[in-house]
């Protein structure tokens, strides 16, 4: 029997401001990037890292460490760092359609300076998804999305086709247990094998083929021993084949035959908590954001185009 592949994707998920202030989180971000760049440059057994699908973290870091831009550009151009395609990870039901498109355009434009964006609609922690997202992604040239919250009970596997009202369709990778199922992996080969085996016992029916192991979570640092532990775990047993990879490489070979199909919004709380209306944001902040968007979209830009 062939060994089951465990695709490990090192990454971090970064809230610019949450339970700490923006500048407090930025200090942590600088520490994370300082560690990551040295690790990628010095250890070939740690080949890839994903920057949460948003370019804002890159700019936030480079404002403090502008001298590191060339280092980051070299690693990104070599495929070692995956960045973009968004500028920020937005709450889709709090922003206008035009704002979502501009966000994507800004992310793609900024990522072009580093060799290009990751060609995946990475949507790891939004509180639900608009029905038109597959249409937006296809218009940008993407064929894959990655989602977590909002997927309904009728989707029973980790891959499905997601269709917009106009018929545009992407293959969606469903992070049924979130973007942290491989966070803080143990610094021990036997413990790593045991953890993966236990995890598969819990979610095995949802997994079509390879197990996607998202090695990261909110504001976490990279784990520098990962490459060594993966080699030791592969030498130790024959049930699993551990592979440190990138999300684009994993999705390039993800199965597409016989997948379930879902059309429209993703707003179910069946397997993940949903904040309907994203009520974590204050009403006064929502109101100010809505006013700003309307002033720009319906007044400032149309008038600027006319005059």
Protein backbone atom coordinates (compact mmCIF):
# COMPACT_ATOMS: atom_id res chain seq x y z
CA UNK A 1 0.00 0.00 0.00
CA UNK A 2 1.37 3.40 -1.02
CA UNK A 3 2.19 5.89 1.72
CA UNK A 4 -0.35 8.67 2.20
CA UNK A 5 1.10 12.06 1.36
CA UNK A 6 1.00 14.74 4.04
CA UNK A 7 1.50 18.11 2.35
CA UNK A 8 2.86 20.58 4.91
CA UNK A 9 2.44 24.26 4.02
CA UNK A 10 4.37 26.60 6.36
CA UNK A 11 2.58 29.94 6.76
CA UNK A 12 1.40 32.58 9.16
CA UNK A 13 -1.98 34.26 9.55
CA UNK A 14 -1.62 37.94 10.39
CA UNK A 15 -4.21 40.31 11.81
CA UNK A 16 -2.80 43.80 11.49
CA UNK A 17 -4.81 44.87 14.54
CA UNK A 18 -6.86 42.70 16.90
CA UNK A 19 -6.26 42.05 20.62
CA UNK A 20 -3.14 44.22 20.34
CA UNK A 21 -2.67 47.55 18.59
CA UNK A 22 -1.42 47.81 15.02
CA UNK A 23 2.07 48.92 16.09
CA UNK A 24 2.38 46.20 18.74
CA UNK A 25 1.53 43.58 16.14
CA UNK A 26 3.97 45.21 13.71
CA UNK A 27 6.83 44.71 16.19
CA UNK A 28 5.93 41.02 16.25
CA UNK A 29 5.75 41.03 12.45
CA UNK A 30 9.28 42.43 12.22
CA UNK A 31 10.55 39.67 14.51
CA UNK A 32 8.77 37.06 12.39
CA UNK A 33 10.22 38.34 9.10
CA UNK A 34 13.72 38.76 10.55
CA UNK A 35 13.63 35.09 11.57
CA UNK A 36 12.01 33.88 8.34
CA UNK A 37 14.46 35.51 5.92
CA UNK A 38 17.49 34.07 7.68
CA UNK A 39 15.85 30.64 7.85
CA UNK A 40 14.96 30.52 4.15
CA UNK A 41 18.39 31.79 3.11
CA UNK A 42 20.35 29.38 5.32
CA UNK A 43 18.32 26.14 5.36
CA UNK A 44 17.37 24.39 2.11
CA UNK A 45 15.34 21.84 4.07
CA UNK A 46 12.89 24.68 4.87
CA UNK A 47 11.90 25.51 1.29
CA UNK A 48 8.61 27.49 1.38
CA UNK A 49 6.58 29.98 3.39
CA UNK A 50 3.22 31.66 2.69
CA UNK A 51 2.43 35.21 3.79
CA UNK A 52 -1.31 34.86 4.41
CA UNK A 53 -2.45 35.91 0.94
CA UNK A 54 -2.04 39.65 1.58
CA UNK A 55 0.58 42.19 0.55
CA UNK A 56 -0.03 44.54 3.49
CA UNK A 57 2.22 42.44 5.72
CA UNK A 58 5.08 42.92 3.26
CA UNK A 59 4.68 46.70 3.19
CA UNK A 60 4.26 46.88 6.98
CA UNK A 61 7.58 45.08 7.38
CA UNK A 62 9.48 46.98 4.70
CA UNK A 63 8.51 50.33 6.21
CA UNK A 64 10.63 49.27 9.19
CA UNK A 65 13.26 47.25 7.27
CA UNK A 66 13.50 48.83 3.77
CA UNK A 67 17.01 47.40 3.40
CA UNK A 68 15.53 43.87 3.24
CA UNK A 69 13.43 44.44 0.12
CA UNK A 70 15.97 42.86 -2.23
CA UNK A 71 16.29 39.79 -0.02
CA UNK A 72 12.53 39.35 0.00
CA UNK A 73 12.28 39.95 -3.74
CA UNK A 74 14.89 37.26 -4.43
CA UNK A 75 13.11 34.68 -2.27
CA UNK A 76 9.70 35.51 -3.75
CA UNK A 77 10.99 35.37 -7.33
CA UNK A 78 12.48 31.95 -6.60
CA UNK A 79 9.10 30.70 -5.37
CA UNK A 80 10.28 30.33 -1.78
CA UNK A 81 7.86 32.97 -0.46
CA UNK A 82 4.22 33.03 -1.60
CA UNK A 83 2.55 36.45 -1.34
CA UNK A 84 -0.68 38.11 -2.46
CA UNK A 85 -2.98 38.14 -4.35
CA UNK A 86 -4.96 40.47 -2.04
CA UNK A 87 -3.68 43.68 -0.54
CA UNK A 88 -5.59 42.93 2.67
CA UNK A 89 -7.88 40.06 3.65
CA UNK A 90 -11.27 41.78 3.69
CA UNK A 91 -14.62 40.86 5.19
CA UNK A 92 -16.57 40.37 1.99
CA UNK A 93 -19.97 41.40 3.38
CA UNK A 94 -18.66 44.66 4.85
CA UNK A 95 -17.16 46.04 1.65
CA UNK A 96 -18.61 46.93 -1.73
CA UNK A 97 -17.97 44.84 -4.82
CA UNK A 98 -15.81 47.62 -6.25
CA UNK A 99 -13.72 47.66 -3.07
CA UNK A 100 -13.09 43.91 -3.34
CA UNK A 101 -11.96 44.28 -6.96
CA UNK A 102 -9.69 47.25 -6.15
CA UNK A 103 -8.23 45.29 -3.25
CA UNK A 104 -7.34 42.44 -5.61
CA UNK A 105 -5.95 44.83 -8.21
CA UNK A 106 -3.78 46.57 -5.59
CA UNK A 107 -2.47 43.24 -4.32
CA UNK A 108 -1.62 41.97 -7.80
CA UNK A 109 0.07 45.24 -8.73
CA UNK A 110 2.19 45.30 -5.57
CA UNK A 111 3.10 41.61 -5.85
CA UNK A 112 4.32 42.16 -9.41
CA UNK A 113 7.33 43.99 -7.94
CA UNK A 114 8.31 40.71 -6.24
CA UNK A 115 7.89 38.40 -9.21
CA UNK A 116 4.10 38.01 -9.07
CA UNK A 117 1.32 36.99 -6.72
CA UNK A 118 0.29 33.52 -5.64
CA UNK A 119 -2.31 32.50 -8.25
CA UNK A 120 -4.87 31.31 -5.68
CA UNK A 121 -7.92 33.04 -4.26
CA UNK A 122 -6.78 32.54 -0.67
CA UNK A 123 -9.71 33.37 1.67
CA UNK A 124 -8.75 31.68 4.95
CA UNK A 125 -10.76 33.42 7.68
CA UNK A 126 -13.56 35.53 6.18
CA UNK A 127 -16.92 35.25 7.94
CA UNK A 128 -18.67 33.94 4.88
CA UNK A 129 -18.22 34.51 1.16
CA UNK A 130 -20.19 36.43 -1.44
CA UNK A 131 -21.79 34.53 -4.30
CA UNK A 132 -19.77 36.46 -6.92
CA UNK A 133 -16.34 35.54 -5.54
CA UNK A 134 -15.75 32.71 -8.08
CA UNK A 135 -16.64 35.20 -10.84
CA UNK A 136 -14.15 37.77 -9.50
CA UNK A 137 -11.42 35.16 -9.20
CA UNK A 138 -11.98 33.79 -12.71
CA UNK A 139 -11.91 37.29 -14.18
CA UNK A 140 -8.50 37.70 -12.49
CA UNK A 141 -7.32 34.45 -14.10
CA UNK A 142 -7.55 32.21 -11.03
CA UNK A 143 -8.99 28.70 -11.09
CA UNK A 144 -8.50 27.82 -7.40
CA UNK A 145 -9.87 29.21 -4.15
CA UNK A 146 -9.14 28.22 -0.54
CA UNK A 147 -11.91 28.72 2.03
CA UNK A 148 -12.82 27.78 5.59
CA UNK A 149 -15.85 29.42 7.21
CA UNK A 150 -19.27 29.30 5.60
CA UNK A 151 -19.13 25.94 3.79
CA UNK A 152 -22.47 24.10 4.21
CA UNK A 153 -23.11 20.55 5.41
CA UNK A 154 -23.88 19.41 1.86
CA UNK A 155 -20.16 19.70 1.08
CA UNK A 156 -18.70 16.51 2.51
CA UNK A 157 -15.13 16.55 1.14
CA UNK A 158 -12.13 18.86 1.27
CA UNK A 159 -12.52 19.81 -2.40
CA UNK A 160 -15.57 21.08 -4.27
CA UNK A 161 -16.56 23.19 -7.25
CA UNK A 162 -17.85 26.63 -6.28
CA UNK A 163 -20.08 28.35 -8.84
CA UNK A 164 -21.08 32.02 -9.07
CA UNK A 165 -24.52 33.15 -10.29
CA UNK A 166 -23.11 33.82 -13.76
CA UNK A 167 -21.78 30.24 -14.00
CA UNK A 168 -18.11 31.06 -13.31
CA UNK A 169 -16.58 28.18 -11.38
CA UNK A 170 -13.42 27.61 -9.36
CA UNK A 171 -12.12 24.56 -7.56
CA UNK A 172 -12.35 25.33 -3.85
CA UNK A 173 -10.05 23.69 -1.33
CA UNK A 174 -12.01 23.46 1.90
CA UNK A 175 -10.01 23.92 5.09
CA UNK A 176 -12.62 21.98 7.07
CA UNK A 177 -10.68 22.33 10.32
CA UNK A 178 -9.24 25.75 9.61
CA UNK A 179 -5.87 27.15 8.61
CA UNK A 180 -4.22 25.90 11.83
CA UNK A 181 -4.54 22.10 11.65
CA UNK A 182 -0.74 21.82 11.44
CA UNK A 183 0.17 24.65 13.80
CA UNK A 184 3.05 24.09 16.24
CA UNK A 185 4.10 20.70 14.90
CA UNK A 186 6.21 18.73 17.41
CA UNK A 187 10.00 18.73 17.35
CA UNK A 188 10.00 14.94 17.34
CA UNK A 189 9.46 12.53 14.43
CA UNK A 190 7.47 9.93 16.38
CA UNK A 191 5.20 12.61 17.84
CA UNK A 192 4.65 14.07 14.36
CA UNK A 193 3.57 10.69 12.97
CA UNK A 194 1.25 10.11 15.93
CA UNK A 195 -0.31 13.55 15.61
CA UNK A 196 -1.05 13.08 11.89
CA UNK A 197 -2.48 9.60 12.47
CA UNK A 198 -4.78 10.91 15.22
CA UNK A 199 -5.86 13.84 13.07
CA UNK A 200 -6.74 11.56 10.17
CA UNK A 201 -8.88 9.42 12.49
CA UNK A 202 -10.91 12.54 13.26
CA UNK A 203 -11.28 13.96 9.73
CA UNK A 204 -10.53 11.01 7.45
CA UNK A 205 -13.96 10.92 5.80
CA UNK A 206 -13.59 14.54 4.68
CA UNK A 207 -10.18 14.03 3.03
CA UNK A 208 -10.24 12.94 -0.62
CA UNK A 209 -6.57 12.17 -1.15
CA UNK A 210 -3.54 13.96 0.32
CA UNK A 211 -3.77 15.54 3.75
CA UNK A 212 -3.16 19.29 3.64
CA UNK A 213 -1.36 20.28 6.83
CA UNK A 214 -1.39 24.05 7.35
CA UNK A 215 1.69 24.66 9.49
CA UNK A 216 0.84 28.02 11.00
CA UNK A 217 -1.77 30.11 12.76
CA UNK A 218 -2.40 33.62 14.09
CA UNK A 219 0.87 35.54 14.48
CA UNK A 220 3.03 32.42 14.71
CA UNK A 221 6.74 32.25 13.93
CA UNK A 222 8.15 29.66 11.50
CA UNK A 223 9.33 26.42 13.08
CA UNK A 224 13.03 26.11 12.16
CA UNK A 225 13.31 22.39 12.92
CA UNK A 226 10.56 21.43 10.47
CA UNK A 227 12.84 20.22 7.68
CA UNK A 228 14.82 17.93 9.97
CA UNK A 229 11.73 16.43 11.62
CA UNK A 230 10.12 15.72 8.23
CA UNK A 231 13.20 13.82 7.04
CA UNK A 232 13.31 11.81 10.28
CA UNK A 233 9.58 11.04 10.08
CA UNK A 234 9.90 9.76 6.51
CA UNK A 235 12.81 7.51 7.53
CA UNK A 236 10.90 6.24 10.55
CA UNK A 237 7.81 4.70 8.89
CA UNK A 238 6.05 3.87 5.61
CA UNK A 239 2.44 4.91 6.29
CA UNK A 240 2.92 8.61 5.54
CA UNK A 241 5.04 10.55 3.08
CA UNK A 242 5.70 13.98 4.57
CA UNK A 243 6.40 16.79 2.12
CA UNK A 244 7.04 20.47 2.82
CA UNK A 245 5.44 22.31 -0.06
CA UNK A 246 3.67 25.50 -1.12
CA UNK A 247 -0.06 25.96 -1.55
CA UNK A 248 0.22 26.47 -5.35
CA UNK A 249 2.24 23.26 -5.68
CA UNK A 250 -0.25 21.32 -3.58
CA UNK A 251 -3.27 22.56 -5.55
CA UNK A 252 -1.58 21.88 -8.89
CA UNK A 253 -2.13 18.15 -8.32
CA UNK A 254 -5.30 18.27 -6.19
CA UNK A 255 -8.08 15.98 -7.52
CA UNK A 256 -10.84 17.49 -9.66
CA UNK A 257 -12.88 14.47 -10.75
CA UNK A 258 -16.21 13.71 -9.09
CA UNK A 259 -16.21 16.78 -6.83
CA UNK A 260 -19.39 18.10 -5.27
CA UNK A 261 -20.74 21.46 -6.48
CA UNK A 262 -22.07 24.46 -4.58
CA UNK A 263 -23.59 27.56 -6.15
CA UNK A 264 -23.86 30.95 -4.47
CA UNK A 265 -22.96 32.35 -1.06
CA UNK A 266 -21.08 30.44 1.60
CA UNK A 267 -22.67 31.50 4.89
CA UNK A 268 -23.26 28.31 6.86
CA UNK A 269 -22.10 27.86 10.45
CA UNK A 270 -22.23 24.07 10.21
CA UNK A 271 -18.52 23.36 10.87
CA UNK A 272 -17.08 26.77 11.78
CA UNK A 273 -18.34 29.71 13.81
CA UNK A 274 -19.91 32.50 11.79
CA UNK A 275 -20.41 36.09 12.89
CA UNK A 276 -23.37 37.06 10.72
CA UNK A 277 -22.84 40.60 9.51
CA UNK A 278 -19.35 40.36 11.02
CA UNK A 279 -20.64 41.79 14.28
CA UNK A 280 -17.14 41.90 15.73
CA UNK A 281 -16.90 45.26 13.95
CA UNK A 282 -18.65 48.17 15.69
CA UNK A 283 -21.71 49.66 14.00
CA UNK A 284 -20.17 53.15 13.97
CA UNK A 285 -17.09 51.80 12.17
CA UNK A 286 -19.30 50.03 9.61
CA UNK A 287 -21.25 53.22 9.04
CA UNK A 288 -18.14 55.35 8.53
CA UNK A 289 -16.70 52.76 6.16
CA UNK A 290 -19.90 52.67 4.13
CA UNK A 291 -20.00 56.47 3.88
CA UNK A 292 -16.36 56.62 2.75
CA UNK A 293 -16.96 54.00 0.05
CA UNK A 294 -20.03 55.81 -1.29
CA UNK A 295 -18.26 59.17 -1.35
CA UNK A 296 -15.39 57.70 -3.37
CA UNK A 297 -17.34 55.43 -5.72
CA UNK A 298 -20.41 57.55 -6.40
CA UNK A 299 -19.11 61.10 -6.10
CA UNK A 300 -15.37 61.64 -6.14
CA UNK A 301 -14.39 59.24 -8.92
CA UNK A 302 -17.34 59.95 -11.26
CA UNK A 303 -16.81 63.70 -10.89
CA UNK A 304 -13.05 63.32 -11.42
CA UNK A 305 -13.73 61.34 -14.59
CA UNK A 306 -16.11 64.03 -15.88
CA UNK A 307 -13.98 67.06 -15.07
